[in-house]
Amino acid sequence: MRCRMFIMACLLALTTTAGAQALPDAVPTAEHSPKKALLLSLLPGAGQVYNGQAWKIPIIYGAFAGTGYLVYNNYSRMRAFKEEYLHRAGGGEPQMEGYTGYPNSSIYSLYQTYNKNFQLYVIVTAAVYGLNLIDAYVFGHLYDFQINDDLTLNVSPSLIATPFQVNPAIACSFTF
C-alpha cells in the first residue's frame, strides 16, 4: 500500500509541462487555393511553383523524359518488328539486321513484347501526370500548415478514488 502511494506521489511530483517559445502573430496573407494549384498543374510543374515547391520541377520533367523515352523506344521497336513480321508473312525474305536467322514466331513474340511494353509505359506516363496533379492539389491544401517548435507535452497523473475499490486508481492524461 505504501509502495503504491509512493509511486503515485512520485508521478504527481513528476508532472511536467514542457512549453516552447510563443510564436508571433501570423501575418495575414492572400488565400492560397488548392484548386488553383490543381488547375495550374495541368501544365506540369506550374502548380508546384504556385505552392512554392519549384525544386520539384526537375523531378517531374525528369520522370516525363524517362517515360517518354521508354514510350518512344518501345513504339519504334514494336513498329519495326511488326513490319518485319508482316513482310515475312507476305512471303518476303528476312530484312531486319541482326534478326535474319530468327523464325517468324520469334519475330511476332518480340512484336508482342514491345507492344505490351509500349502500352505499359503509356500508362506509366499517364500515372506520372496524375501524380503531378495530385501533388499540386495535396500540397495546395498543406500550404498553410504550420510546422513550428511548439512541441508541448503535458503529463497529468491523478488519483481516482472509487467507492467500491479499496485501492485508489491511477490515471494519466497526455495532452499534445
Protein backbone atom coordinates (compact mmCIF):
# COMPACT_ATOMS: atom_id res chain seq x y z
CA MET A 1 0.00 0.00 0.00
CA ARG A 2 2.78 2.42 0.92
CA CYS A 3 4.65 1.48 -2.23
CA ARG A 4 1.64 2.40 -4.36
CA MET A 5 1.21 5.66 -2.53
CA PHE A 6 4.91 6.42 -3.05
CA ILE A 7 4.60 5.69 -6.78
CA MET A 8 1.53 7.91 -7.03
CA ALA A 9 3.29 10.70 -5.15
CA CYS A 10 6.29 10.41 -7.48
CA LEU A 11 4.04 10.55 -10.51
CA LEU A 12 2.32 13.64 -9.20
CA ALA A 13 5.68 15.24 -8.44
CA LEU A 14 6.96 14.45 -11.92
CA THR A 15 4.00 16.10 -13.58
CA THR A 16 5.58 18.41 -16.09
CA THR A 17 4.56 20.79 -18.74
CA ALA A 18 7.19 21.29 -21.40
CA GLY A 19 6.49 24.54 -23.20
CA ALA A 20 8.03 26.26 -26.14
CA GLN A 21 8.52 29.84 -27.19
CA ALA A 22 5.50 31.92 -28.05
CA LEU A 23 5.01 32.40 -31.76
CA PRO A 24 4.49 35.83 -33.24
CA ASP A 25 1.08 36.59 -34.69
CA ALA A 26 0.72 35.30 -38.22
CA VAL A 27 0.91 37.85 -40.96
CA PRO A 28 -2.30 37.81 -42.99
CA THR A 29 -1.68 36.52 -46.50
CA ALA A 30 -3.77 36.10 -49.60
CA GLU A 31 -5.92 32.99 -49.72
CA HIS A 32 -4.00 30.03 -51.13
CA SER A 33 -6.23 27.90 -53.32
CA PRO A 34 -5.62 24.16 -53.81
CA LYS A 35 -7.96 24.27 -56.81
CA LYS A 36 -5.81 26.94 -58.42
CA ALA A 37 -2.73 24.78 -57.79
CA LEU A 38 -4.52 21.86 -59.45
CA LEU A 39 -5.54 23.90 -62.48
CA LEU A 40 -2.07 25.36 -62.85
CA SER A 41 -0.52 21.91 -62.68
CA LEU A 42 -2.30 20.98 -65.91
CA LEU A 43 0.97 22.44 -67.21
CA PRO A 44 3.33 20.11 -65.32
CA GLY A 45 5.25 21.96 -62.62
CA ALA A 46 3.20 25.17 -62.62
CA GLY A 47 1.16 24.07 -59.62
CA GLN A 48 4.33 23.23 -57.73
CA VAL A 49 5.67 26.74 -58.45
CA TYR A 50 2.40 28.20 -57.15
CA ASN A 51 2.81 26.13 -53.98
CA GLY A 52 6.39 27.36 -53.53
CA GLN A 53 7.95 23.99 -54.38
CA ALA A 54 9.83 24.79 -57.56
CA TRP A 55 12.52 22.25 -56.61
CA LYS A 56 10.11 19.51 -57.75
CA ILE A 57 10.11 20.68 -61.38
CA PRO A 58 13.30 18.80 -62.40
CA ILE A 59 11.90 15.64 -60.83
CA ILE A 60 8.62 15.97 -62.72
CA TYR A 61 10.24 16.71 -66.07
CA GLY A 62 12.86 14.00 -65.48
CA ALA A 63 10.07 11.48 -64.94
CA PHE A 64 8.35 12.68 -68.11
CA ALA A 65 11.60 12.47 -70.06
CA GLY A 66 12.28 8.93 -68.82
CA THR A 67 8.80 7.62 -69.53
CA GLY A 68 8.68 9.49 -72.84
CA TYR A 69 11.92 7.84 -73.93
CA LEU A 70 10.59 4.41 -72.96
CA VAL A 71 7.33 5.03 -74.84
CA TYR A 72 9.18 6.16 -77.96
CA ASN A 73 11.77 3.35 -77.83
CA ASN A 74 9.20 0.59 -77.35
CA TYR A 75 6.90 2.07 -80.01
CA SER A 76 9.65 2.27 -82.62
CA ARG A 77 10.83 -1.28 -81.90
CA MET A 78 7.26 -2.56 -81.89
CA ARG A 79 6.63 -0.95 -85.27
CA ALA A 80 9.88 -2.36 -86.71
CA PHE A 81 9.08 -5.91 -85.59
CA LYS A 82 5.50 -5.59 -86.86
CA GLU A 83 6.73 -4.51 -90.31
CA GLU A 84 9.27 -7.33 -90.33
CA TYR A 85 6.63 -9.89 -89.38
CA LEU A 86 4.14 -8.62 -91.97
CA HIS A 87 6.88 -8.64 -94.62
CA ARG A 88 7.79 -12.23 -93.76
CA ALA A 89 4.14 -13.33 -93.55
CA GLY A 90 3.63 -11.92 -97.05
CA GLY A 91 6.33 -14.28 -98.37
CA GLY A 92 9.29 -11.89 -98.25
CA GLU A 93 12.82 -12.67 -97.13
CA PRO A 94 14.04 -11.59 -93.67
CA GLN A 95 15.32 -8.00 -93.83
CA MET A 96 15.83 -6.88 -90.24
CA GLU A 97 19.52 -6.70 -89.48
CA GLY A 98 20.54 -8.98 -86.64
CA TYR A 99 17.29 -10.96 -86.78
CA THR A 100 17.55 -12.74 -90.15
CA GLY A 101 18.02 -16.14 -88.50
CA TYR A 102 15.01 -15.75 -86.20
CA PRO A 103 11.84 -17.67 -87.09
CA ASN A 104 8.58 -15.81 -87.76
CA SER A 105 7.14 -16.88 -84.39
CA SER A 106 10.05 -15.24 -82.56
CA ILE A 107 9.64 -12.01 -84.54
CA TYR A 108 5.93 -12.00 -83.67
CA SER A 109 6.73 -12.66 -79.98
CA LEU A 110 9.16 -9.73 -79.97
CA TYR A 111 6.47 -7.55 -81.59
CA GLN A 112 4.01 -8.54 -78.83
CA THR A 113 6.57 -7.90 -76.10
CA TYR A 114 7.36 -4.38 -77.36
CA ASN A 115 3.65 -3.71 -77.87
CA LYS A 116 2.89 -4.63 -74.23
CA ASN A 117 5.83 -2.54 -73.01
CA PHE A 118 4.69 0.40 -75.14
CA GLN A 119 1.19 0.23 -73.66
CA LEU A 120 2.58 -0.14 -70.15
CA TYR A 121 4.78 2.94 -70.47
CA VAL A 122 1.90 4.98 -71.87
CA ILE A 123 0.02 4.10 -68.68
CA VAL A 124 3.09 4.93 -66.56
CA THR A 125 3.36 8.31 -68.30
CA ALA A 126 -0.31 9.00 -67.54
CA ALA A 127 0.34 7.99 -63.91
CA VAL A 128 3.27 10.43 -63.69
CA TYR A 129 0.98 13.16 -65.00
CA GLY A 130 -1.67 12.17 -62.45
CA LEU A 131 0.90 12.24 -59.63
CA ASN A 132 1.87 15.75 -60.75
CA LEU A 133 -1.78 16.81 -60.38
CA ILE A 134 -2.25 15.05 -57.04
CA ASP A 135 0.99 16.50 -55.66
CA ALA A 136 -0.02 20.06 -56.53
CA TYR A 137 -3.51 19.61 -55.08
CA VAL A 138 -2.43 17.96 -51.82
CA PHE A 139 0.38 20.41 -51.15
CA GLY A 140 -2.01 23.22 -52.04
CA HIS A 141 -4.09 22.08 -49.07
CA LEU A 142 -1.00 21.81 -46.86
CA TYR A 143 0.35 25.22 -47.90
CA ASP A 144 -0.78 26.94 -44.68
CA PHE A 145 0.11 24.00 -42.42
CA GLN A 146 2.48 25.27 -39.75
CA ILE A 147 5.39 23.20 -38.54
CA ASN A 148 6.93 25.01 -35.59
CA ASP A 149 8.93 24.43 -32.44
CA ASP A 150 5.85 24.28 -30.20
CA LEU A 151 6.12 20.65 -29.15
CA THR A 152 4.23 20.69 -25.86
CA LEU A 153 3.54 17.55 -23.86
CA ASN A 154 1.53 17.75 -20.66
CA VAL A 155 1.59 14.71 -18.38
CA SER A 156 -1.03 14.87 -15.63
CA PRO A 157 -1.22 11.82 -13.38
CA SER A 158 -4.04 11.86 -10.85
CA LEU A 159 -5.56 9.64 -8.19
CA ILE A 160 -9.08 8.44 -8.71
CA ALA A 161 -10.92 7.29 -5.64
CA THR A 162 -13.52 4.69 -6.46
CA PRO A 163 -16.22 3.87 -3.95
CA PHE A 164 -16.14 0.10 -4.43
CA GLN A 165 -12.41 -0.43 -4.57
CA VAL A 166 -10.05 -0.49 -1.63
CA ASN A 167 -7.07 0.83 -3.58
CA PRO A 168 -7.29 4.11 -5.49
CA ALA A 169 -6.68 4.03 -9.23
CA ILE A 170 -4.02 5.99 -11.09
CA ALA A 171 -4.95 7.84 -14.27
CA CYS A 172 -2.61 9.71 -16.59
CA SER A 173 -3.68 12.10 -19.29
CA PHE A 174 -1.40 13.22 -22.08
CA THR A 175 -2.08 16.41 -23.94
CA PHE A 176 -0.12 17.37 -27.02
